[in-house]
């Protein structure tokens, strides 16, 4: 049975009609998770730990009904399925990236021991990449952070990032989640973390520091 939407703004406005679809609590965080690739239900439960199972199931059913999410088989013959974004769901990426930048400037600091996962950097790096800083740089960086693998590729002024292992990595960075969280987007901090020995770097230090310089944090509001 098709899920019934509980509420609507009932306004003839594109913003209101979009929020009718994606404005419910947790919905955009599900989209954030799926922007890094398909996820099993169990993975979504782990990465959205504050969301109860019933609510997650309801949100996923609604997103399927709205045409933003669909189920896929992870491998031929495999019984396990996963959730992935449709073309319409993936079109929300600029919205998520804008929220990353807005949140860094305007959102209050996280309270207490807030949940954090290294793979969220896959999306954050997309939001903070500055093509003007990447002229002449072609590099594939592999990250192994707290046991999670993800990678980023800069090529001809473009940027791509994904979960998993890069086909051919020029540089590999290995560290704990705590050390990765200490990176504030500056080359100086990247250099200091490498010099501390708590971040292992395989490959060209010079090229990695050039990679680190490709990201621009939004200017704080004064």
N, C-alpha and C. Protein backbone atom coordinates (compact mmCIF):
# COMPACT_ATOMS: atom_id res chain seq x y z
N UNK A 1 0.84 -1.19 0.00
CA UNK A 1 0.00 0.00 0.00
C UNK A 1 0.88 1.24 0.00
N UNK A 2 0.51 2.21 -0.82
CA UNK A 2 1.29 3.44 -0.91
C UNK A 2 1.17 4.23 0.38
N UNK A 3 2.32 4.69 0.95
CA UNK A 3 2.27 5.47 2.19
C UNK A 3 1.46 6.75 2.02
N UNK A 4 0.78 7.13 3.07
CA UNK A 4 0.01 8.36 3.05
C UNK A 4 0.78 9.45 3.78
N UNK A 5 1.00 10.56 3.08
CA UNK A 5 1.75 11.66 3.70
C UNK A 5 0.88 12.31 4.76
N UNK A 6 1.45 12.47 5.96
CA UNK A 6 0.67 12.96 7.10
C UNK A 6 0.28 14.42 6.94
N UNK A 7 1.21 15.24 6.43
CA UNK A 7 0.95 16.68 6.40
C UNK A 7 1.46 17.27 5.09
N UNK A 8 0.88 18.38 4.72
CA UNK A 8 1.35 19.14 3.56
C UNK A 8 1.24 20.62 3.90
N UNK A 9 2.18 21.40 3.35
CA UNK A 9 2.08 22.85 3.53
C UNK A 9 0.91 23.42 2.72
N UNK A 10 0.49 22.68 1.70
CA UNK A 10 -0.64 23.10 0.86
C UNK A 10 -0.43 24.51 0.31
N UNK A 11 0.77 24.74 -0.21
CA UNK A 11 1.10 26.03 -0.82
C UNK A 11 1.54 25.81 -2.26
N UNK A 12 1.12 26.71 -3.14
CA UNK A 12 1.54 26.65 -4.54
C UNK A 12 2.88 27.36 -4.69
N UNK A 13 3.91 26.74 -4.10
CA UNK A 13 5.27 27.30 -4.07
C UNK A 13 6.22 26.12 -4.17
N UNK A 14 7.23 26.23 -5.04
CA UNK A 14 8.14 25.11 -5.25
C UNK A 14 8.89 24.73 -3.98
N UNK A 15 9.24 25.73 -3.16
CA UNK A 15 9.93 25.43 -1.91
C UNK A 15 9.03 24.59 -1.00
N UNK A 16 7.79 25.02 -0.85
CA UNK A 16 6.85 24.30 0.02
C UNK A 16 6.58 22.90 -0.52
N UNK A 17 6.42 22.78 -1.83
CA UNK A 17 6.13 21.46 -2.41
C UNK A 17 7.33 20.53 -2.29
N UNK A 18 8.54 21.10 -2.41
CA UNK A 18 9.74 20.28 -2.21
C UNK A 18 9.84 19.81 -0.76
N UNK A 19 9.51 20.71 0.18
CA UNK A 19 9.57 20.34 1.59
C UNK A 19 8.48 19.34 1.97
N UNK A 20 7.38 19.33 1.23
CA UNK A 20 6.39 18.28 1.43
C UNK A 20 7.02 16.90 1.22
N UNK A 21 8.02 16.84 0.34
CA UNK A 21 8.66 15.56 0.00
C UNK A 21 9.87 15.27 0.89
N UNK A 22 10.72 16.27 1.11
CA UNK A 22 12.00 16.00 1.80
C UNK A 22 12.14 16.73 3.14
N UNK A 23 11.09 17.38 3.60
CA UNK A 23 11.21 18.19 4.80
C UNK A 23 11.02 17.46 6.11
N UNK A 24 10.62 16.19 6.06
CA UNK A 24 10.45 15.44 7.31
C UNK A 24 11.79 15.20 7.98
N UNK A 25 11.78 15.11 9.31
CA UNK A 25 13.00 14.84 10.07
C UNK A 25 13.63 13.53 9.62
N UNK A 26 14.93 13.53 9.45
CA UNK A 26 15.76 12.40 9.05
C UNK A 26 15.81 12.17 7.54
N UNK A 27 14.86 12.71 6.79
CA UNK A 27 14.81 12.38 5.36
C UNK A 27 16.08 12.78 4.62
N UNK A 28 16.55 14.00 4.82
CA UNK A 28 17.75 14.45 4.12
C UNK A 28 19.00 13.73 4.62
N UNK A 29 18.97 13.24 5.85
CA UNK A 29 20.12 12.47 6.33
C UNK A 29 20.16 11.09 5.68
N UNK A 30 19.02 10.54 5.36
CA UNK A 30 19.00 9.30 4.57
C UNK A 30 19.59 9.56 3.19
N UNK A 31 19.22 10.69 2.59
CA UNK A 31 19.78 11.06 1.29
C UNK A 31 21.29 11.23 1.39
N UNK A 32 21.75 11.89 2.47
CA UNK A 32 23.20 12.05 2.67
C UNK A 32 23.90 10.70 2.67
N UNK A 33 23.34 9.73 3.40
CA UNK A 33 23.96 8.40 3.46
C UNK A 33 24.03 7.76 2.08
N UNK A 34 22.97 7.90 1.30
CA UNK A 34 22.93 7.23 0.00
C UNK A 34 23.74 7.96 -1.06
N UNK A 35 24.13 9.20 -0.80
CA UNK A 35 25.01 9.91 -1.73
C UNK A 35 26.40 9.29 -1.77
N UNK A 36 26.76 8.51 -0.75
CA UNK A 36 28.06 7.84 -0.76
C UNK A 36 27.97 6.43 -1.34
N UNK A 37 26.78 6.04 -1.79
CA UNK A 37 26.60 4.73 -2.41
C UNK A 37 25.45 3.97 -1.77
N UNK A 38 25.01 2.89 -2.41
CA UNK A 38 23.90 2.09 -1.86
C UNK A 38 24.22 1.59 -0.46
N UNK A 39 23.18 1.47 0.35
CA UNK A 39 23.35 0.99 1.73
C UNK A 39 22.29 -0.07 2.04
N UNK A 40 22.70 -1.08 2.77
CA UNK A 40 21.74 -2.03 3.32
C UNK A 40 20.95 -1.35 4.43
N UNK A 41 19.80 -1.92 4.74
CA UNK A 41 18.99 -1.40 5.84
C UNK A 41 19.79 -1.39 7.13
N UNK A 42 20.56 -2.45 7.38
CA UNK A 42 21.36 -2.54 8.61
C UNK A 42 22.42 -1.44 8.68
N UNK A 43 22.97 -1.06 7.53
CA UNK A 43 23.96 0.02 7.50
C UNK A 43 23.31 1.36 7.81
N UNK A 44 22.13 1.58 7.25
CA UNK A 44 21.42 2.82 7.55
C UNK A 44 21.07 2.89 9.03
N UNK A 45 20.69 1.77 9.61
CA UNK A 45 20.41 1.75 11.05
C UNK A 45 21.65 2.13 11.85
N UNK A 46 22.81 1.64 11.43
CA UNK A 46 24.05 1.93 12.16
C UNK A 46 24.44 3.40 12.03
N UNK A 47 24.34 3.95 10.83
CA UNK A 47 24.80 5.32 10.61
C UNK A 47 23.77 6.36 11.04
N UNK A 48 22.53 5.94 11.24
CA UNK A 48 21.48 6.85 11.72
C UNK A 48 20.96 6.31 13.05
N UNK A 49 21.89 6.19 13.99
CA UNK A 49 21.61 5.48 15.25
C UNK A 49 20.51 6.12 16.08
N UNK A 50 20.27 7.40 15.93
CA UNK A 50 19.23 8.06 16.71
C UNK A 50 17.84 7.86 16.16
N UNK A 51 17.73 7.15 15.06
CA UNK A 51 16.45 6.95 14.38
C UNK A 51 15.95 5.54 14.67
N UNK A 52 14.73 5.42 15.17
CA UNK A 52 14.26 4.07 15.49
C UNK A 52 13.89 3.31 14.22
N UNK A 53 13.83 2.00 14.34
CA UNK A 53 13.66 1.12 13.18
C UNK A 53 12.34 1.38 12.45
N UNK A 54 11.29 1.61 13.21
CA UNK A 54 9.98 1.84 12.59
C UNK A 54 9.99 3.10 11.75
N UNK A 55 10.57 4.17 12.31
CA UNK A 55 10.61 5.43 11.58
C UNK A 55 11.47 5.31 10.32
N UNK A 56 12.61 4.61 10.42
CA UNK A 56 13.46 4.43 9.25
C UNK A 56 12.70 3.68 8.15
N UNK A 57 12.01 2.62 8.53
CA UNK A 57 11.24 1.85 7.55
C UNK A 57 10.17 2.72 6.89
N UNK A 58 9.49 3.54 7.70
CA UNK A 58 8.45 4.42 7.16
C UNK A 58 9.04 5.44 6.19
N UNK A 59 10.19 6.03 6.57
CA UNK A 59 10.81 7.04 5.70
C UNK A 59 11.25 6.41 4.38
N UNK A 60 11.83 5.22 4.45
CA UNK A 60 12.29 4.56 3.23
C UNK A 60 11.11 4.22 2.32
N UNK A 61 10.02 3.76 2.89
CA UNK A 61 8.83 3.47 2.09
C UNK A 61 8.31 4.74 1.42
N UNK A 62 8.33 5.86 2.17
CA UNK A 62 7.85 7.11 1.60
C UNK A 62 8.77 7.60 0.49
N UNK A 63 10.09 7.47 0.70
CA UNK A 63 11.04 7.88 -0.33
C UNK A 63 10.91 7.02 -1.58
N UNK A 64 10.64 5.73 -1.40
CA UNK A 64 10.39 4.86 -2.56
C UNK A 64 9.13 5.31 -3.29
N UNK A 65 8.08 5.59 -2.53
CA UNK A 65 6.82 6.02 -3.12
C UNK A 65 6.98 7.33 -3.88
N UNK A 66 7.84 8.21 -3.36
CA UNK A 66 8.06 9.52 -4.00
C UNK A 66 9.04 9.45 -5.16
N UNK A 67 9.63 8.28 -5.39
CA UNK A 67 10.54 8.12 -6.52
C UNK A 67 11.94 8.63 -6.29
N UNK A 68 12.35 8.76 -5.02
CA UNK A 68 13.70 9.24 -4.71
C UNK A 68 14.66 8.10 -4.39
N UNK A 69 14.13 6.96 -3.98
CA UNK A 69 14.93 5.82 -3.56
C UNK A 69 14.34 4.56 -4.19
N UNK A 70 15.20 3.61 -4.53
CA UNK A 70 14.72 2.31 -4.98
C UNK A 70 15.63 1.22 -4.43
N UNK A 71 15.13 0.00 -4.43
CA UNK A 71 15.92 -1.14 -3.95
C UNK A 71 16.71 -1.75 -5.10
N UNK A 72 17.92 -2.18 -4.79
CA UNK A 72 18.75 -2.86 -5.78
C UNK A 72 19.34 -4.12 -5.16
N UNK A 73 19.72 -5.06 -6.00
CA UNK A 73 20.46 -6.24 -5.55
C UNK A 73 21.93 -5.91 -5.56
N UNK A 74 22.62 -6.22 -4.48
CA UNK A 74 24.04 -5.88 -4.37
C UNK A 74 24.90 -6.73 -5.30
N UNK A 75 24.49 -7.95 -5.59
CA UNK A 75 25.25 -8.81 -6.49
C UNK A 75 24.31 -9.83 -7.11
N UNK A 76 24.67 -10.29 -8.28
CA UNK A 76 23.83 -11.28 -8.97
C UNK A 76 23.68 -12.52 -8.09
N UNK A 77 22.43 -12.90 -7.88
CA UNK A 77 22.16 -14.09 -7.08
C UNK A 77 22.18 -13.87 -5.58
N UNK A 78 22.56 -12.65 -5.16
CA UNK A 78 22.63 -12.38 -3.72
C UNK A 78 21.23 -12.12 -3.17
N UNK A 79 20.99 -12.59 -1.97
CA UNK A 79 19.68 -12.38 -1.35
C UNK A 79 19.59 -11.00 -0.73
N UNK A 80 20.74 -10.41 -0.40
CA UNK A 80 20.74 -9.10 0.26
C UNK A 80 20.45 -8.00 -0.75
N UNK A 81 19.58 -7.09 -0.38
CA UNK A 81 19.29 -5.93 -1.21
C UNK A 81 19.73 -4.68 -0.47
N UNK A 82 19.77 -3.59 -1.20
CA UNK A 82 20.20 -2.33 -0.62
C UNK A 82 19.33 -1.22 -1.18
N UNK A 83 19.42 -0.07 -0.54
CA UNK A 83 18.70 1.11 -1.01
C UNK A 83 19.67 2.02 -1.75
N UNK A 84 19.21 2.59 -2.86
CA UNK A 84 20.02 3.50 -3.66
C UNK A 84 19.16 4.67 -4.11
N UNK A 85 19.81 5.77 -4.43
CA UNK A 85 19.09 6.94 -4.92
C UNK A 85 18.71 6.75 -6.39
N UNK A 86 17.54 7.21 -6.74
CA UNK A 86 17.16 7.33 -8.14
C UNK A 86 17.77 8.60 -8.71
N UNK A 87 17.53 8.87 -9.98
CA UNK A 87 18.03 10.11 -10.57
C UNK A 87 17.46 11.32 -9.84
N UNK A 88 16.19 11.25 -9.47
CA UNK A 88 15.57 12.37 -8.75
C UNK A 88 16.19 12.52 -7.36
N UNK A 89 16.48 11.41 -6.71
CA UNK A 89 17.12 11.48 -5.39
C UNK A 89 18.52 12.04 -5.47
N UNK A 90 19.29 11.59 -6.47
CA UNK A 90 20.66 12.09 -6.64
C UNK A 90 20.69 13.57 -6.97
N UNK A 91 19.60 14.09 -7.55
CA UNK A 91 19.52 15.51 -7.87
C UNK A 91 19.47 16.39 -6.63
N UNK A 92 19.29 15.77 -5.46
CA UNK A 92 19.31 16.53 -4.20
C UNK A 92 20.73 16.79 -3.71
N UNK A 93 21.75 16.27 -4.40
CA UNK A 93 23.12 16.46 -3.94
C UNK A 93 23.49 17.93 -3.74
N UNK A 94 23.18 18.84 -4.68
CA UNK A 94 23.53 20.26 -4.44
C UNK A 94 22.89 20.83 -3.18
N UNK A 95 21.70 20.34 -2.83
CA UNK A 95 21.03 20.79 -1.60
C UNK A 95 21.83 20.34 -0.39
N UNK A 96 22.26 19.08 -0.38
CA UNK A 96 23.05 18.56 0.74
C UNK A 96 24.38 19.30 0.84
N UNK A 97 25.04 19.54 -0.28
CA UNK A 97 26.34 20.23 -0.26
C UNK A 97 26.18 21.66 0.24
N UNK A 98 25.09 22.32 -0.14
CA UNK A 98 24.84 23.67 0.36
C UNK A 98 24.61 23.65 1.87
N UNK A 99 23.94 22.62 2.37
CA UNK A 99 23.71 22.50 3.81
C UNK A 99 25.02 22.25 4.56
N UNK A 100 25.95 21.50 3.95
CA UNK A 100 27.27 21.32 4.57
C UNK A 100 27.92 22.68 4.78
N UNK A 101 27.96 23.49 3.73
CA UNK A 101 28.61 24.80 3.82
C UNK A 101 27.87 25.72 4.79
N UNK A 102 26.55 25.72 4.75
CA UNK A 102 25.76 26.56 5.64
C UNK A 102 25.98 26.13 7.09
N UNK A 103 25.98 24.82 7.33
CA UNK A 103 26.13 24.31 8.69
C UNK A 103 27.47 24.66 9.30
N UNK A 104 28.53 24.67 8.49
CA UNK A 104 29.86 25.02 9.01
C UNK A 104 29.92 26.45 9.51
N UNK A 105 29.08 27.31 8.95
CA UNK A 105 29.10 28.73 9.32
C UNK A 105 28.03 29.06 10.35
N UNK A 106 26.83 28.55 10.17
CA UNK A 106 25.69 29.04 10.94
C UNK A 106 25.13 28.08 11.99
N UNK A 107 25.37 26.78 11.84
CA UNK A 107 24.76 25.83 12.77
C UNK A 107 25.49 25.82 14.11
N UNK A 108 24.78 25.58 15.21
CA UNK A 108 25.45 25.49 16.51
C UNK A 108 26.37 24.28 16.57
N UNK A 109 27.33 24.33 17.45
CA UNK A 109 28.27 23.21 17.61
C UNK A 109 27.53 21.98 18.12
N UNK A 110 28.04 20.81 17.76
CA UNK A 110 27.46 19.56 18.24
C UNK A 110 27.56 19.50 19.76
N UNK A 111 26.54 18.92 20.38
CA UNK A 111 26.50 18.83 21.84
C UNK A 111 26.91 17.44 22.31
N UNK A 112 27.73 17.40 23.35
CA UNK A 112 28.10 16.13 23.95
C UNK A 112 28.84 15.22 22.99
N UNK A 113 28.63 13.92 23.15
CA UNK A 113 29.29 12.93 22.30
C UNK A 113 28.41 12.65 21.08
N UNK A 114 28.44 13.58 20.14
CA UNK A 114 27.62 13.44 18.94
C UNK A 114 28.16 12.31 18.07
N UNK A 115 27.25 11.62 17.42
CA UNK A 115 27.64 10.54 16.51
C UNK A 115 28.46 11.12 15.35
N UNK A 116 29.48 10.40 14.94
CA UNK A 116 30.29 10.81 13.80
C UNK A 116 30.84 9.58 13.10
N UNK A 117 30.91 9.64 11.79
CA UNK A 117 31.47 8.55 11.00
C UNK A 117 32.40 9.13 9.95
N UNK A 118 33.59 8.56 9.77
CA UNK A 118 34.56 9.10 8.82
C UNK A 118 34.02 9.24 7.40
N UNK A 119 33.13 8.32 6.98
CA UNK A 119 32.69 8.37 5.59
C UNK A 119 31.85 9.60 5.28
N UNK A 120 31.39 10.32 6.30
CA UNK A 120 30.68 11.56 6.02
C UNK A 120 31.57 12.57 5.31
N UNK A 121 32.89 12.38 5.45
CA UNK A 121 33.83 13.26 4.74
C UNK A 121 33.72 13.12 3.23
N UNK A 122 33.22 11.98 2.75
CA UNK A 122 33.05 11.78 1.31
C UNK A 122 32.16 12.88 0.74
N UNK A 123 31.09 13.20 1.46
CA UNK A 123 30.18 14.26 1.03
C UNK A 123 30.75 15.64 1.35
N UNK A 124 31.33 15.80 2.53
CA UNK A 124 31.87 17.10 2.94
C UNK A 124 32.95 17.59 1.99
N UNK A 125 33.82 16.69 1.52
CA UNK A 125 34.87 17.10 0.60
C UNK A 125 34.29 17.61 -0.71
N UNK A 126 33.21 17.01 -1.17
CA UNK A 126 32.55 17.50 -2.38
C UNK A 126 32.07 18.94 -2.18
N UNK A 127 31.57 19.22 -0.98
CA UNK A 127 31.04 20.55 -0.70
C UNK A 127 32.12 21.61 -0.62
N UNK A 128 33.31 21.24 -0.18
CA UNK A 128 34.36 22.21 0.11
C UNK A 128 35.43 22.30 -0.97
N UNK A 129 35.35 21.46 -1.99
CA UNK A 129 36.34 21.49 -3.06
C UNK A 129 36.26 22.81 -3.82
N UNK A 130 37.44 23.40 -4.07
CA UNK A 130 37.54 24.66 -4.79
C UNK A 130 38.35 24.42 -6.07
N UNK A 131 37.69 24.37 -7.24
CA UNK A 131 38.41 24.07 -8.49
C UNK A 131 39.54 25.03 -8.78
N UNK A 132 39.42 26.28 -8.33
CA UNK A 132 40.46 27.27 -8.63
C UNK A 132 41.78 26.93 -7.95
N UNK A 133 41.73 26.07 -6.93
CA UNK A 133 42.95 25.68 -6.21
C UNK A 133 43.57 24.39 -6.76
N UNK A 134 42.93 23.81 -7.75
CA UNK A 134 43.35 22.49 -8.22
C UNK A 134 44.00 22.51 -9.60
N UNK A 135 44.36 23.69 -10.07
CA UNK A 135 44.92 23.80 -11.42
C UNK A 135 46.18 22.94 -11.56
N UNK A 136 46.20 22.09 -12.59
CA UNK A 136 47.38 21.28 -12.87
C UNK A 136 47.57 20.07 -11.98
N UNK A 137 46.61 19.80 -11.09
CA UNK A 137 46.75 18.67 -10.16
C UNK A 137 45.88 17.50 -10.59
N UNK A 138 46.49 16.36 -10.82
CA UNK A 138 45.77 15.11 -11.05
C UNK A 138 46.24 14.12 -9.99
N UNK A 139 45.35 13.70 -9.11
CA UNK A 139 45.76 12.82 -8.01
C UNK A 139 44.58 11.99 -7.53
N UNK A 140 44.86 10.77 -7.14
CA UNK A 140 43.87 9.90 -6.50
C UNK A 140 44.36 9.61 -5.09
N UNK A 141 43.58 10.01 -4.09
CA UNK A 141 43.95 9.82 -2.69
C UNK A 141 43.06 8.76 -2.05
N UNK A 142 43.70 7.76 -1.49
CA UNK A 142 42.99 6.71 -0.76
C UNK A 142 43.06 7.01 0.73
N UNK A 143 41.92 6.93 1.41
CA UNK A 143 41.86 7.15 2.85
C UNK A 143 41.41 5.86 3.54
N UNK A 144 42.12 5.48 4.58
CA UNK A 144 41.71 4.39 5.46
C UNK A 144 41.60 5.02 6.85
N UNK A 145 40.39 5.31 7.25
CA UNK A 145 40.15 6.08 8.48
C UNK A 145 39.29 5.26 9.43
N UNK A 146 39.86 4.92 10.57
CA UNK A 146 39.11 4.12 11.53
C UNK A 146 38.60 2.82 10.93
N UNK A 147 39.34 2.27 9.98
CA UNK A 147 38.94 1.02 9.34
C UNK A 147 38.03 1.19 8.15
N UNK A 148 37.53 2.41 7.90
CA UNK A 148 36.68 2.66 6.74
C UNK A 148 37.52 3.15 5.56
N UNK A 149 37.20 2.65 4.38
CA UNK A 149 37.94 3.02 3.18
C UNK A 149 37.09 3.92 2.29
N UNK A 150 37.68 5.04 1.87
CA UNK A 150 37.05 5.90 0.87
C UNK A 150 38.16 6.61 0.12
N UNK A 151 37.82 7.20 -1.01
CA UNK A 151 38.85 7.83 -1.81
C UNK A 151 38.32 9.09 -2.49
N UNK A 152 39.26 9.90 -2.94
CA UNK A 152 38.93 11.14 -3.64
C UNK A 152 39.88 11.29 -4.82
N UNK A 153 39.33 11.80 -5.92
CA UNK A 153 40.12 11.98 -7.14
C UNK A 153 39.96 13.41 -7.62
N UNK A 154 41.09 14.08 -7.84
CA UNK A 154 41.11 15.40 -8.47
C UNK A 154 41.71 15.23 -9.85
N UNK A 155 40.99 15.68 -10.87
CA UNK A 155 41.46 15.52 -12.25
C UNK A 155 40.94 16.67 -13.09
N UNK A 156 41.87 17.43 -13.68
CA UNK A 156 41.53 18.55 -14.55
C UNK A 156 40.52 19.50 -13.90
N UNK A 157 40.74 19.81 -12.66
CA UNK A 157 39.88 20.76 -11.96
C UNK A 157 38.56 20.22 -11.50
N UNK A 158 38.33 18.92 -11.65
CA UNK A 158 37.08 18.31 -11.18
C UNK A 158 37.38 17.42 -9.97
N UNK A 159 36.33 17.10 -9.23
CA UNK A 159 36.49 16.33 -8.00
C UNK A 159 35.45 15.23 -7.96
N UNK A 160 35.87 14.06 -7.51
CA UNK A 160 34.94 12.95 -7.28
C UNK A 160 35.39 12.21 -6.03
N UNK A 161 34.43 11.69 -5.27
CA UNK A 161 34.75 10.93 -4.06
C UNK A 161 33.75 9.80 -3.92
N UNK A 162 34.19 8.71 -3.31
CA UNK A 162 33.32 7.54 -3.17
C UNK A 162 33.84 6.64 -2.06
N UNK A 163 32.98 5.75 -1.60
CA UNK A 163 33.39 4.73 -0.65
C UNK A 163 34.20 3.66 -1.38
N UNK A 164 35.04 2.95 -0.62
CA UNK A 164 35.78 1.84 -1.20
C UNK A 164 37.22 2.21 -1.52
N UNK A 165 37.80 1.47 -2.45
CA UNK A 165 39.21 1.61 -2.78
C UNK A 165 39.38 2.18 -4.18
N UNK A 166 40.29 3.13 -4.30
CA UNK A 166 40.60 3.72 -5.60
C UNK A 166 41.27 2.68 -6.49
N UNK A 167 40.92 2.63 -7.78
CA UNK A 167 41.56 1.66 -8.69
C UNK A 167 43.08 1.79 -8.70
N UNK A 168 43.57 3.04 -8.73
CA UNK A 168 45.01 3.28 -8.71
C UNK A 168 45.27 4.52 -7.86
N UNK A 169 45.64 4.33 -6.60
CA UNK A 169 45.86 5.46 -5.69
C UNK A 169 47.29 5.96 -5.80
N UNK A 170 47.43 7.28 -5.88
CA UNK A 170 48.76 7.90 -5.87
C UNK A 170 49.27 8.07 -4.45
N UNK A 171 48.33 8.31 -3.53
CA UNK A 171 48.66 8.56 -2.13
C UNK A 171 47.66 7.80 -1.26
N UNK A 172 48.14 7.22 -0.18
CA UNK A 172 47.25 6.56 0.78
C UNK A 172 47.47 7.16 2.16
N UNK A 173 46.38 7.58 2.78
CA UNK A 173 46.41 8.17 4.12
C UNK A 173 45.71 7.21 5.08
N UNK A 174 46.39 6.84 6.15
CA UNK A 174 45.82 5.93 7.14
C UNK A 174 45.90 6.57 8.52
N UNK A 175 44.76 6.62 9.21
CA UNK A 175 44.75 7.23 10.54
C UNK A 175 43.49 6.81 11.28
N UNK A 176 43.42 7.20 12.54
CA UNK A 176 42.23 6.94 13.34
C UNK A 176 41.15 7.97 13.00
N UNK A 177 39.92 7.66 13.37
CA UNK A 177 38.84 8.61 13.16
C UNK A 177 39.08 9.89 13.94
N UNK A 178 39.67 9.77 15.12
CA UNK A 178 39.96 10.94 15.95
C UNK A 178 40.96 11.86 15.27
N UNK A 179 42.01 11.29 14.68
CA UNK A 179 43.01 12.10 14.00
C UNK A 179 42.41 12.76 12.75
N UNK A 180 41.57 12.02 12.04
CA UNK A 180 40.96 12.59 10.84
C UNK A 180 40.06 13.77 11.20
N UNK A 181 39.35 13.64 12.33
CA UNK A 181 38.46 14.72 12.77
C UNK A 181 39.23 15.97 13.16
N UNK A 182 40.52 15.82 13.47
CA UNK A 182 41.34 16.98 13.85
C UNK A 182 41.72 17.84 12.66
N UNK A 183 41.53 17.32 11.45
CA UNK A 183 41.87 18.10 10.26
C UNK A 183 40.83 19.20 10.06
N UNK A 184 41.29 20.44 10.03
CA UNK A 184 40.38 21.58 9.94
C UNK A 184 40.34 22.21 8.55
N UNK A 185 40.92 21.53 7.57
CA UNK A 185 40.88 22.05 6.21
C UNK A 185 42.08 22.87 5.81
N UNK A 186 43.03 23.05 6.71
CA UNK A 186 44.21 23.86 6.38
C UNK A 186 45.41 22.97 6.07
N UNK A 187 46.26 23.46 5.16
CA UNK A 187 47.48 22.73 4.82
C UNK A 187 48.39 22.62 6.04
N UNK A 188 48.41 23.67 6.87
CA UNK A 188 49.26 23.68 8.06
C UNK A 188 48.88 22.53 8.99
N UNK A 189 47.58 22.32 9.18
CA UNK A 189 47.13 21.23 10.05
C UNK A 189 47.46 19.88 9.43
N UNK A 190 47.26 19.75 8.11
CA UNK A 190 47.59 18.50 7.43
C UNK A 190 49.07 18.17 7.61
N UNK A 191 49.91 19.17 7.46
CA UNK A 191 51.36 18.98 7.62
C UNK A 191 51.69 18.56 9.05
N UNK A 192 51.05 19.23 10.03
CA UNK A 192 51.32 18.93 11.44
C UNK A 192 50.88 17.51 11.80
N UNK A 193 49.75 17.08 11.26
CA UNK A 193 49.26 15.73 11.56
C UNK A 193 50.19 14.66 10.99
N UNK A 194 50.72 14.92 9.79
CA UNK A 194 51.68 13.97 9.21
C UNK A 194 52.96 13.96 10.02
N UNK A 195 53.43 15.15 10.39
CA UNK A 195 54.68 15.25 11.17
C UNK A 195 54.55 14.59 12.54
N UNK A 196 53.32 14.55 13.07
CA UNK A 196 53.11 13.96 14.40
C UNK A 196 53.32 12.44 14.39
N UNK A 197 53.27 11.85 13.20
CA UNK A 197 53.40 10.40 13.10
C UNK A 197 52.10 9.65 13.36
N UNK A 198 51.04 10.37 13.70
CA UNK A 198 49.76 9.73 13.97
C UNK A 198 48.92 9.55 12.72
N UNK A 199 49.39 10.15 11.63
CA UNK A 199 48.77 9.98 10.32
C UNK A 199 49.82 9.39 9.39
N UNK A 200 49.59 8.19 8.89
CA UNK A 200 50.56 7.53 8.02
C UNK A 200 50.29 7.91 6.57
N UNK A 201 51.32 8.29 5.86
CA UNK A 201 51.19 8.72 4.47
C UNK A 201 52.09 7.86 3.59
N UNK A 202 51.49 7.22 2.60
CA UNK A 202 52.25 6.46 1.61
C UNK A 202 52.10 7.16 0.27
N UNK A 203 53.21 7.61 -0.29
CA UNK A 203 53.16 8.38 -1.53
C UNK A 203 53.80 9.74 -1.34
N UNK A 204 53.60 10.61 -2.30
CA UNK A 204 54.24 11.92 -2.29
C UNK A 204 53.61 12.86 -1.27
N UNK A 205 54.39 13.29 -0.30
CA UNK A 205 53.92 14.26 0.69
C UNK A 205 53.54 15.57 0.00
N UNK A 206 54.37 15.99 -0.94
CA UNK A 206 54.12 17.25 -1.64
C UNK A 206 52.77 17.21 -2.37
N UNK A 207 52.50 16.11 -3.08
CA UNK A 207 51.24 16.00 -3.81
C UNK A 207 50.05 15.96 -2.86
N UNK A 208 50.19 15.27 -1.72
CA UNK A 208 49.08 15.22 -0.78
C UNK A 208 48.79 16.60 -0.20
N UNK A 209 49.82 17.37 0.11
CA UNK A 209 49.60 18.71 0.65
C UNK A 209 48.96 19.61 -0.41
N UNK A 210 49.29 19.39 -1.67
CA UNK A 210 48.60 20.12 -2.73
C UNK A 210 47.12 19.72 -2.77
N UNK A 211 46.86 18.44 -2.59
CA UNK A 211 45.48 17.96 -2.53
C UNK A 211 44.74 18.62 -1.36
N UNK A 212 45.38 18.65 -0.20
CA UNK A 212 44.75 19.24 0.99
C UNK A 212 44.43 20.72 0.79
N UNK A 213 45.21 21.38 -0.07
CA UNK A 213 45.01 22.81 -0.31
C UNK A 213 43.84 23.09 -1.25
N UNK A 214 43.22 22.03 -1.80
CA UNK A 214 42.14 22.21 -2.77
C UNK A 214 40.78 22.47 -2.12
N UNK A 215 40.75 22.52 -0.80
CA UNK A 215 39.47 22.67 -0.10
C UNK A 215 39.43 24.01 0.62
N UNK A 216 38.28 24.65 0.53
CA UNK A 216 38.12 25.97 1.14
C UNK A 216 36.96 25.93 2.13
N UNK A 217 37.26 26.21 3.39
CA UNK A 217 36.20 26.31 4.39
C UNK A 217 35.48 27.64 4.24
N UNK A 218 34.17 27.68 4.41
CA UNK A 218 33.44 28.94 4.33
C UNK A 218 33.94 29.94 5.36
N UNK A 219 33.97 31.20 4.99
CA UNK A 219 34.41 32.23 5.93
C UNK A 219 33.41 32.36 7.07
N UNK A 220 33.87 32.45 8.31
CA UNK A 220 32.94 32.59 9.44
C UNK A 220 32.22 33.93 9.41
N UNK A 221 31.02 33.95 9.94
CA UNK A 221 30.25 35.19 10.03
C UNK A 221 30.76 35.99 11.21
N UNK A 222 31.04 37.24 10.98
CA UNK A 222 31.56 38.10 12.06
C UNK A 222 30.46 39.03 12.57
